[in-house]
Protein backbone atom coordinates (compact mmCIF):
# COMPACT_ATOMS: atom_id res chain seq x y z
CA MET A 1 32.20 -259.54 -31.95
CA LYS A 2 30.86 -259.74 -35.48
CA ASP A 3 32.80 -258.78 -38.58
CA VAL A 4 31.55 -256.09 -40.92
CA LEU A 5 30.32 -257.51 -44.22
CA ILE A 6 31.64 -255.71 -47.30
CA ALA A 7 28.50 -256.12 -49.38
CA THR A 8 29.77 -256.11 -52.95
CA ARG A 9 30.98 -258.60 -55.54
CA ASN A 10 32.97 -255.98 -57.47
CA GLN A 11 36.56 -257.14 -57.09
CA SER A 12 38.00 -253.65 -57.46
CA LYS A 13 35.73 -252.35 -54.72
CA ILE A 14 36.54 -255.31 -52.47
CA ALA A 15 40.26 -254.62 -52.89
CA GLU A 16 39.87 -250.91 -52.10
CA ILE A 17 37.48 -251.26 -49.15
CA SER A 18 39.23 -254.27 -47.60
CA ALA A 19 42.57 -252.42 -47.76
CA TRP A 20 40.99 -249.55 -45.83
CA PHE A 21 39.47 -251.97 -43.27
CA GLN A 22 42.83 -253.72 -42.80
CA LYS A 23 44.59 -250.40 -42.29
CA GLU A 24 42.02 -249.40 -39.66
CA GLY A 25 42.12 -252.79 -37.94
CA ILE A 26 38.42 -253.42 -38.51
CA PRO A 27 37.46 -257.12 -38.90
CA PHE A 28 35.49 -257.91 -42.04
CA LYS A 29 34.07 -260.53 -44.35
CA THR A 30 33.04 -260.23 -48.00
CA LEU A 31 30.28 -261.73 -50.10
CA GLN A 32 32.81 -264.33 -51.19
CA ASP A 33 32.21 -265.84 -47.73
CA PHE A 34 28.47 -266.10 -48.54
CA SER A 35 28.37 -267.71 -51.96
CA ASP A 36 24.69 -268.59 -51.55
CA ALA A 37 23.63 -264.97 -50.92
CA PRO A 38 21.73 -263.69 -53.97
CA ASP A 39 22.55 -260.43 -55.71
CA VAL A 40 20.48 -257.42 -54.71
CA GLU A 41 18.97 -255.52 -57.63
CA GLU A 42 19.77 -251.81 -57.60
CA THR A 43 16.31 -250.33 -58.13
CA GLY A 44 16.88 -247.00 -56.36
CA GLU A 45 16.72 -243.63 -58.08
CA THR A 46 19.73 -242.25 -56.20
CA PHE A 47 23.09 -243.47 -54.96
CA GLU A 48 21.86 -243.28 -51.37
CA GLU A 49 18.75 -245.36 -52.08
CA ASN A 50 20.84 -248.09 -53.71
CA ALA A 51 23.48 -248.11 -50.94
CA LYS A 52 20.77 -248.43 -48.28
CA LEU A 53 18.91 -251.09 -50.24
CA LYS A 54 22.00 -253.28 -50.52
CA ALA A 55 23.21 -252.77 -46.94
CA ARG A 56 19.76 -253.45 -45.46
CA SER A 57 19.23 -256.53 -47.63
CA TYR A 58 22.56 -258.16 -46.79
CA PHE A 59 22.17 -257.33 -43.10
CA ALA A 60 18.80 -259.14 -43.18
CA MET A 61 20.37 -262.12 -45.02
CA THR A 62 23.51 -262.55 -42.90
CA GLY A 63 22.87 -260.86 -39.55
CA LEU A 64 26.25 -259.14 -39.91
CA PRO A 65 26.77 -255.37 -39.82
CA SER A 66 26.69 -254.70 -43.56
CA LEU A 67 28.44 -251.98 -45.51
CA ALA A 68 27.43 -251.17 -49.07
CA ASP A 69 28.13 -248.33 -51.43
CA ASP A 70 26.79 -246.93 -54.64
CA GLY A 71 28.34 -244.25 -56.73
CA GLY A 72 29.13 -243.13 -60.20
CA PHE A 73 30.48 -240.60 -62.61
CA GLU A 74 28.78 -237.21 -63.06
CA LEU A 75 29.45 -234.78 -65.90
CA ASP A 76 28.62 -231.11 -65.31
CA PHE A 77 27.78 -230.46 -68.98
CA LEU A 78 25.29 -233.35 -68.96
CA HIS A 79 23.65 -232.19 -65.72
CA GLY A 80 25.06 -235.06 -63.68
CA GLU A 81 24.76 -237.86 -66.22
CA PRO A 82 25.41 -240.75 -66.23
CA GLY A 83 25.13 -240.66 -62.41
CA VAL A 84 23.21 -243.54 -60.90
CA ARG A 85 23.05 -245.14 -64.36
CA SER A 86 26.83 -245.11 -64.89
CA ARG A 87 27.08 -248.83 -65.64
CA ARG A 88 23.74 -248.89 -67.52
CA TRP A 89 23.99 -245.55 -69.30
CA ASN A 90 22.53 -246.86 -72.58
CA GLY A 91 19.84 -248.94 -70.87
CA ARG A 92 21.77 -252.18 -70.45
CA GLU A 93 24.81 -253.44 -68.57
CA MET A 94 27.88 -252.16 -70.40
CA THR A 95 31.49 -253.27 -70.48
CA ASP A 96 34.28 -250.94 -69.39
CA GLY A 97 35.19 -250.30 -73.02
CA GLU A 98 31.62 -249.46 -73.96
CA MET A 99 31.37 -246.98 -71.09
CA ILE A 100 34.54 -245.20 -72.18
CA ALA A 101 33.36 -245.09 -75.81
CA MET A 102 29.99 -243.65 -74.79
CA VAL A 103 31.45 -240.80 -72.74
CA GLN A 104 33.77 -239.99 -75.64
CA GLU A 105 30.78 -239.76 -77.95
CA LYS A 106 28.74 -237.62 -75.53
CA MET A 107 31.60 -235.19 -74.80
CA ALA A 108 33.21 -235.02 -78.26
CA ASP A 109 32.23 -231.41 -79.05
CA VAL A 110 32.10 -229.97 -75.53
CA PRO A 111 34.41 -226.95 -75.01
CA PRO A 112 37.36 -227.54 -72.63
CA ASP A 113 36.03 -225.04 -70.07
CA GLN A 114 32.79 -227.02 -69.72
CA ARG A 115 34.28 -230.43 -69.03
CA GLY A 116 34.09 -230.40 -65.26
CA CYS A 117 33.14 -233.74 -63.71
CA GLN A 118 33.22 -235.69 -60.50
CA PHE A 119 33.09 -239.10 -58.96
CA ARG A 120 30.53 -239.36 -56.16
CA THR A 121 29.79 -242.24 -53.83
CA VAL A 122 27.48 -242.93 -50.90
CA VAL A 123 28.45 -245.51 -48.27
CA THR A 124 25.88 -246.99 -45.89
CA LEU A 125 26.48 -249.19 -42.85
CA VAL A 126 23.52 -251.06 -41.36
CA THR A 127 23.92 -252.63 -37.90
CA SER A 128 21.67 -254.04 -35.21
CA VAL A 129 21.40 -250.56 -33.67
CA GLY A 130 20.67 -248.51 -36.77
CA GLU A 131 22.28 -247.23 -39.92
CA ARG A 132 24.47 -244.38 -41.10
CA SER A 133 25.31 -243.02 -44.55
CA THR A 134 28.13 -240.76 -45.70
CA GLN A 135 29.08 -239.43 -49.11
CA ALA A 136 32.09 -237.84 -50.80
CA VAL A 137 33.22 -236.54 -54.19
CA VAL A 138 36.43 -236.18 -56.17
CA ARG A 139 36.43 -233.35 -58.73
CA GLY A 140 38.33 -233.37 -62.01
CA GLU A 141 37.90 -232.64 -65.70
CA TYR A 142 36.99 -234.88 -68.61
CA ARG A 143 39.71 -235.52 -71.18
CA THR A 144 40.18 -237.92 -74.08
CA PRO A 145 40.91 -241.28 -72.42
CA CYS A 146 44.44 -242.39 -71.72
CA GLU A 147 45.56 -245.92 -72.47
CA GLN A 148 45.84 -247.11 -68.88
CA ARG A 149 42.87 -249.02 -67.42
CA ILE A 150 41.69 -250.46 -64.11
CA ALA A 151 39.08 -253.20 -64.51
CA GLY A 152 35.79 -252.10 -62.99
CA TYR A 153 36.76 -248.40 -62.91
CA PRO A 154 36.64 -247.29 -66.58
CA PHE A 155 35.95 -243.60 -65.95
CA ARG A 156 39.22 -243.22 -64.04
CA SER A 157 40.81 -243.31 -67.51
CA VAL A 158 38.97 -240.16 -68.65
CA VAL A 159 39.21 -238.00 -65.51
CA TYR A 160 42.20 -235.68 -65.39
CA LEU A 161 43.25 -234.23 -62.03
CA PRO A 162 44.95 -230.83 -62.49
CA ALA A 163 46.37 -230.90 -58.96
CA PHE A 164 48.38 -234.03 -59.86
CA GLY A 165 48.93 -233.30 -63.55
CA ARG A 166 47.79 -236.83 -64.34
CA TYR A 167 44.72 -238.90 -65.02
CA PHE A 168 43.12 -240.54 -61.99
CA VAL A 169 44.11 -243.97 -63.31
CA GLN A 170 47.77 -242.91 -63.53
CA LEU A 171 48.07 -242.26 -59.81
CA SER A 172 49.78 -244.85 -57.64
CA ASP A 173 47.60 -247.15 -55.55
CA ALA A 174 48.49 -245.12 -52.46
CA GLU A 175 47.62 -241.84 -54.20
CA GLN A 176 44.32 -243.20 -55.45
CA ARG A 177 43.38 -244.40 -51.98
CA SER A 178 44.36 -241.06 -50.44
CA ILE A 179 41.94 -239.05 -52.62
CA SER A 180 39.35 -241.69 -53.51
CA HIS A 181 35.75 -240.61 -52.99
CA ARG A 182 35.09 -244.05 -51.52
CA SER A 183 37.98 -243.74 -49.07
CA LYS A 184 36.80 -240.27 -48.06
CA ALA A 185 33.27 -241.54 -47.41
CA LEU A 186 34.65 -244.47 -45.38
CA GLN A 187 36.81 -242.10 -43.36
CA GLU A 188 33.73 -240.04 -42.47
CA LEU A 189 31.98 -243.25 -41.44
CA LYS A 190 34.86 -244.43 -39.24
CA PRO A 191 33.66 -242.80 -35.97
CA TYR A 192 30.30 -244.56 -36.33
CA ILE A 193 32.01 -247.91 -36.97
CA ARG A 194 34.36 -247.38 -34.02
CA SER A 195 31.43 -246.46 -31.77
CA TYR A 196 29.61 -249.62 -32.81
CA PHE A 197 32.55 -251.86 -31.90
CA SER A 198 33.44 -249.96 -28.73
CA ASN A 199 29.94 -250.57 -27.44
CA GLN A 200 30.42 -254.26 -28.29
CA HIS A 201 27.13 -254.69 -30.08
CA VAL A 202 26.92 -258.21 -31.51
């Protein structure tokens, strides 16, 4: 039986997704096991297009069932920006610090009652018998960034969750996993993954 390939090089994503796979008892590999596999350029116009592009490409390269995701940060006041361009909001690859600074600049004069925002992600699994995509969101409100940071997840430092009374980044690892948009999307995908393995497709 083949492992599922977690098709990302983002270390934060690998940690989050692999923890979910381990909890569910699903065997997996990561791109660290395929050091010669080239990066796949994200040329899609939507999260779903990019997730499918990556999952299909790595399935073709490795022959393993391949799971990829794409997601980002969406601000209501900016009609969903930065969205699919979250990491390249200003037209180039930005650092975490630059991303935080840019959202501060964009939202500086926005009234508090118009600061709704969300994280959204799409997860796609491609196997030898087809593919399936799921998506999920986590709603919150933009606030001036707190000091705490998680490398690779800069916007978690600017999203306040009223239900918890804390910023997303201030939640414990267990709390973050319990409400994470990525975890929610994976949970919706679980029956499809289970069906794949139960039918012993290799």
